[in-house]
Every structure is written in structure tokens, then in C-alpha cells.
Amino acid sequence: MHTQPRTYVTGDREVVLDLTRDCADFVAGRGDGLLNLFVPHATAGLAILETGAGSDDDLLAAMADLLPPDDRWKHRHGSRGHGRSHVMPALIPPYATVPVLGGQLALGTWQSICLVDLNVDNPERDVRFSFLA
């Protein structure tokens, strides 16, 4: 298995960050296998969805509806509504696995691999890329 951690700056806002190009670069030339991504954080997740056509904004809006950034959460340190970030990985898991064929991601035409981060208190996120032949 080949594995490598990468760090991404998500800043102080909720974000759906497209990692697809980095994923494609990581698997290029590696043949057939599986790409596994893992976020070692309690408040971030990985999703495969269309980006650039509003779906990324729709996902953030859906998360705001499902997990409102208000004071209902028992987990209350950090910014207002921070507890929702700790619930989010039950809905958007901290891992994703994608088939790789001939060194290329076997994604559908409109699929992108994205880091989802609702936690405005943590401006950097680590993502572990692993390739299993």
C-alpha cells in the first residue's frame, strides 16, 4: 500500500473542497486498485458529488437544515453551533473509497471527491490518501 497525508486549508467558513485533481494525480500511473481517503478529524467528512453546478452549495444548505448552527447542541465548546460539526460525520463519513482502473479514477462523468468541513474553528484539515493495488 502506498499512503500519503496531505493538508488542506479550509479557513473560517463552511466548505465543500474538491479534491478530485489531487486524487487523480495521486493514483496516476499506479495501475488497478482502490483509492481510500480518510480524514482523521471528528468534525469533517468526505463526499462524492457533482460540484460547480450548485450541488456543493446545496449540500451546505442541506447540512444547515439538518444540523442547524444554533445553540441546541450539548457539545458546546467553540463557535455557536459547533456541536453539529461533531454529528456531521455520522451523515457524511470521514472516509471514501474509489476504484482505480489503469491509473485513473473510475468516477462517473459528474462525480467529484470532496472534503466537507462545517467546523469554522479548525482552519486546517489533514486527508490521508492511500492506494491499494
C-alpha atoms as a PDB file:
ATOM      1  CA  MET A   1       0.000   0.000   0.000  1.00  0.00           C
ATOM      2  CA  HIS A   2       1.195   3.498  -0.826  1.00  0.00           C
ATOM      3  CA  THR A   3      -0.048   6.205   1.546  1.00  0.00           C
ATOM      4  CA  GLN A   4       0.488   9.925   1.966  1.00  0.00           C
ATOM      5  CA  PRO A   5      -1.042  12.592   4.207  1.00  0.00           C
ATOM      6  CA  ARG A   6      -1.962  15.967   2.735  1.00  0.00           C
ATOM      7  CA  THR A   7      -3.046  19.143   4.495  1.00  0.00           C
ATOM      8  CA  TYR A   8      -5.749  21.481   3.205  1.00  0.00           C
ATOM      9  CA  VAL A   9      -6.639  24.963   4.409  1.00  0.00           C
ATOM     10  CA  THR A  10     -10.400  25.258   4.779  1.00  0.00           C
ATOM     11  CA  GLY A  11     -10.329  28.603   6.563  1.00  0.00           C
ATOM     12  CA  ASP A  12     -13.016  30.096   8.755  1.00  0.00           C
ATOM     13  CA  ARG A  13     -16.069  29.215   6.647  1.00  0.00           C
ATOM     14  CA  GLU A  14     -18.062  26.104   5.835  1.00  0.00           C
ATOM     15  CA  VAL A  15     -16.649  24.480   2.740  1.00  0.00           C
ATOM     16  CA  VAL A  16     -17.017  21.708   0.177  1.00  0.00           C
ATOM     17  CA  LEU A  17     -13.474  21.450  -1.176  1.00  0.00           C
ATOM     18  CA  ASP A  18     -12.933  19.497  -4.400  1.00  0.00           C
ATOM     19  CA  LEU A  19     -10.017  17.052  -4.028  1.00  0.00           C
ATOM     20  CA  THR A  20     -10.555  15.228  -7.336  1.00  0.00           C
ATOM     21  CA  ARG A  21      -7.495  16.645  -9.147  1.00  0.00           C
ATOM     22  CA  ASP A  22      -5.220  15.759  -6.207  1.00  0.00           C
ATOM     23  CA  CYS A  23      -6.753  12.261  -6.118  1.00  0.00           C
ATOM     24  CA  ALA A  24      -6.207  11.796  -9.853  1.00  0.00           C
ATOM     25  CA  ASP A  25      -2.591  12.929  -9.538  1.00  0.00           C
ATOM     26  CA  PHE A  26      -2.028  10.554  -6.596  1.00  0.00           C
ATOM     27  CA  VAL A  27      -3.246   7.450  -8.499  1.00  0.00           C
ATOM     28  CA  ALA A  28      -1.773   8.334 -11.912  1.00  0.00           C
ATOM     29  CA  GLY A  29       0.408   5.522 -13.216  1.00  0.00           C
ATOM     30  CA  ARG A  30      -0.411   3.140 -10.360  1.00  0.00           C
ATOM     31  CA  GLY A  31      -2.468   0.620 -12.349  1.00  0.00           C
ATOM     32  CA  ASP A  32      -5.601  -1.040 -10.969  1.00  0.00           C
ATOM     33  CA  GLY A  33      -6.632  -0.844  -7.332  1.00  0.00           C
ATOM     34  CA  LEU A  34      -8.515   1.214  -4.787  1.00  0.00           C
ATOM     35  CA  LEU A  35      -8.022   4.764  -3.599  1.00  0.00           C
ATOM     36  CA  ASN A  36      -9.031   5.201   0.016  1.00  0.00           C
ATOM     37  CA  LEU A  37      -9.279   8.631   1.594  1.00  0.00           C
ATOM     38  CA  PHE A  38      -9.545   9.186   5.325  1.00  0.00           C
ATOM     39  CA  VAL A  39      -9.973  12.374   7.356  1.00  0.00           C
ATOM     40  CA  PRO A  40      -8.593  11.885  10.901  1.00  0.00           C
ATOM     41  CA  HIS A  41     -10.853  14.558  12.367  1.00  0.00           C
ATOM     42  CA  ALA A  42     -14.058  14.328  14.428  1.00  0.00           C
ATOM     43  CA  THR A  43     -15.686  17.193  12.538  1.00  0.00           C
ATOM     44  CA  ALA A  44     -15.036  16.645   8.804  1.00  0.00           C
ATOM     45  CA  GLY A  45     -16.171  14.210   6.147  1.00  0.00           C
ATOM     46  CA  LEU A  46     -15.741  13.120   2.542  1.00  0.00           C
ATOM     47  CA  ALA A  47     -18.457  13.085  -0.097  1.00  0.00           C
ATOM     48  CA  ILE A  48     -18.693  12.148  -3.753  1.00  0.00           C
ATOM     49  CA  LEU A  49     -20.986  14.568  -5.572  1.00  0.00           C
ATOM     50  CA  GLU A  50     -21.264  16.926  -8.513  1.00  0.00           C
ATOM     51  CA  THR A  51     -19.555  20.270  -7.984  1.00  0.00           C
ATOM     52  CA  GLY A  52     -19.587  23.549  -9.833  1.00  0.00           C
ATOM     53  CA  ALA A  53     -23.290  23.436 -10.719  1.00  0.00           C
ATOM     54  CA  GLY A  54     -24.592  24.430  -7.291  1.00  0.00           C
ATOM     55  CA  SER A  55     -24.646  20.970  -5.705  1.00  0.00           C
ATOM     56  CA  ASP A  56     -21.822  21.874  -3.343  1.00  0.00           C
ATOM     57  CA  ASP A  57     -23.805  24.903  -2.110  1.00  0.00           C
ATOM     58  CA  ASP A  58     -26.934  22.725  -1.943  1.00  0.00           C
ATOM     59  CA  LEU A  59     -25.054  20.267   0.290  1.00  0.00           C
ATOM     60  CA  LEU A  60     -24.064  23.052   2.688  1.00  0.00           C
ATOM     61  CA  ALA A  61     -27.664  24.312   2.713  1.00  0.00           C
ATOM     62  CA  ALA A  62     -28.957  20.787   3.416  1.00  0.00           C
ATOM     63  CA  MET A  63     -26.480  20.425   6.284  1.00  0.00           C
ATOM     64  CA  ALA A  64     -27.707  23.753   7.710  1.00  0.00           C
ATOM     65  CA  ASP A  65     -31.288  22.433   7.540  1.00  0.00           C
ATOM     66  CA  LEU A  66     -30.426  19.022   9.037  1.00  0.00           C
ATOM     67  CA  LEU A  67     -27.850  20.300  11.527  1.00  0.00           C
ATOM     68  CA  PRO A  68     -28.693  23.946  12.307  1.00  0.00           C
ATOM     69  CA  PRO A  69     -25.839  26.129  13.571  1.00  0.00           C
ATOM     70  CA  ASP A  70     -27.660  27.128  16.744  1.00  0.00           C
ATOM     71  CA  ASP A  71     -27.458  26.501  20.489  1.00  0.00           C
ATOM     72  CA  ARG A  72     -29.386  23.190  20.633  1.00  0.00           C
ATOM     73  CA  TRP A  73     -26.217  21.084  20.760  1.00  0.00           C
ATOM     74  CA  LYS A  74     -24.944  19.657  24.052  1.00  0.00           C
ATOM     75  CA  HIS A  75     -21.386  19.720  22.705  1.00  0.00           C
ATOM     76  CA  ARG A  76     -20.839  23.484  23.050  1.00  0.00           C
ATOM     77  CA  HIS A  77     -17.189  24.494  23.031  1.00  0.00           C
ATOM     78  CA  GLY A  78     -16.045  26.663  20.135  1.00  0.00           C
ATOM     79  CA  SER A  79     -18.236  28.786  17.917  1.00  0.00           C
ATOM     80  CA  ARG A  80     -22.037  28.840  18.054  1.00  0.00           C
ATOM     81  CA  GLY A  81     -23.446  25.541  16.803  1.00  0.00           C
ATOM     82  CA  HIS A  82     -20.073  23.793  16.926  1.00  0.00           C
ATOM     83  CA  GLY A  83     -21.711  20.602  18.229  1.00  0.00           C
ATOM     84  CA  ARG A  84     -23.316  19.995  14.829  1.00  0.00           C
ATOM     85  CA  SER A  85     -19.848  19.523  13.339  1.00  0.00           C
ATOM     86  CA  HIS A  86     -19.388  16.545  15.660  1.00  0.00           C
ATOM     87  CA  VAL A  87     -22.649  14.983  14.427  1.00  0.00           C
ATOM     88  CA  MET A  88     -21.946  15.554  10.723  1.00  0.00           C
ATOM     89  CA  PRO A  89     -19.547  12.582  10.245  1.00  0.00           C
ATOM     90  CA  ALA A  90     -22.463  10.240  11.029  1.00  0.00           C
ATOM     91  CA  LEU A  91     -24.103  11.613   7.849  1.00  0.00           C
ATOM     92  CA  ILE A  92     -21.028  12.406   5.730  1.00  0.00           C
ATOM     93  CA  PRO A  93     -18.411   9.823   6.745  1.00  0.00           C
ATOM     94  CA  PRO A  94     -14.724  10.605   7.248  1.00  0.00           C
ATOM     95  CA  TYR A  95     -13.735   8.094   4.549  1.00  0.00           C
ATOM     96  CA  ALA A  96     -14.312   7.320   0.872  1.00  0.00           C
ATOM     97  CA  THR A  97     -13.122   4.544  -1.432  1.00  0.00           C
ATOM     98  CA  VAL A  98     -12.957   4.852  -5.227  1.00  0.00           C
ATOM     99  CA  PRO A  99     -11.969   2.199  -7.781  1.00  0.00           C
ATOM    100  CA  VAL A 100      -8.882   2.943  -9.868  1.00  0.00           C
ATOM    101  CA  LEU A 101      -8.554   1.393 -13.325  1.00  0.00           C
ATOM    102  CA  GLY A 102      -5.355   1.787 -15.290  1.00  0.00           C
ATOM    103  CA  GLY A 103      -4.160   4.574 -13.014  1.00  0.00           C
ATOM    104  CA  GLN A 104      -7.361   6.592 -13.425  1.00  0.00           C
ATOM    105  CA  LEU A 105     -10.227   7.217 -11.026  1.00  0.00           C
ATOM    106  CA  ALA A 106     -13.329   5.248 -12.041  1.00  0.00           C
ATOM    107  CA  LEU A 107     -15.705   8.119 -11.276  1.00  0.00           C
ATOM    108  CA  GLY A 108     -18.845   8.981 -13.192  1.00  0.00           C
ATOM    109  CA  THR A 109     -18.832  11.970 -15.527  1.00  0.00           C
ATOM    110  CA  TRP A 110     -20.116  14.453 -12.959  1.00  0.00           C
ATOM    111  CA  GLN A 111     -18.679  12.935  -9.772  1.00  0.00           C
ATOM    112  CA  SER A 112     -16.082  14.740  -7.694  1.00  0.00           C
ATOM    113  CA  ILE A 113     -14.393  13.734  -4.438  1.00  0.00           C
ATOM    114  CA  CYS A 114     -14.845  16.468  -1.836  1.00  0.00           C
ATOM    115  CA  LEU A 115     -13.800  17.317   1.682  1.00  0.00           C
ATOM    116  CA  VAL A 116     -16.775  18.638   3.651  1.00  0.00           C
ATOM    117  CA  ASP A 117     -15.962  20.863   6.614  1.00  0.00           C
ATOM    118  CA  LEU A 118     -18.592  22.697   8.668  1.00  0.00           C
ATOM    119  CA  ASN A 119     -16.191  23.456  11.523  1.00  0.00           C
ATOM    120  CA  VAL A 120     -15.203  27.108  11.248  1.00  0.00           C
ATOM    121  CA  ASP A 121     -12.955  26.749  14.314  1.00  0.00           C
ATOM    122  CA  ASN A 122     -10.373  24.491  12.628  1.00  0.00           C
ATOM    123  CA  PRO A 123      -8.765  26.145   9.568  1.00  0.00           C
ATOM    124  CA  GLU A 124      -6.629  23.152   8.502  1.00  0.00           C
ATOM    125  CA  ARG A 125      -7.596  19.574   7.689  1.00  0.00           C
ATOM    126  CA  ASP A 126      -5.486  16.501   7.051  1.00  0.00           C
ATOM    127  CA  VAL A 127      -6.535  13.922   4.496  1.00  0.00           C
ATOM    128  CA  ARG A 128      -4.734  10.577   4.187  1.00  0.00           C
ATOM    129  CA  PHE A 129      -4.555   9.281   0.617  1.00  0.00           C
ATOM    130  CA  SER A 130      -3.915   5.513   0.349  1.00  0.00           C
ATOM    131  CA  PHE A 131      -3.650   3.353  -2.765  1.00  0.00           C
ATOM    132  CA  LEU A 132      -4.088  -0.391  -2.528  1.00  0.00           C
ATOM    133  CA  ALA A 133      -3.147  -2.288  -5.687  1.00  0.00           C
END
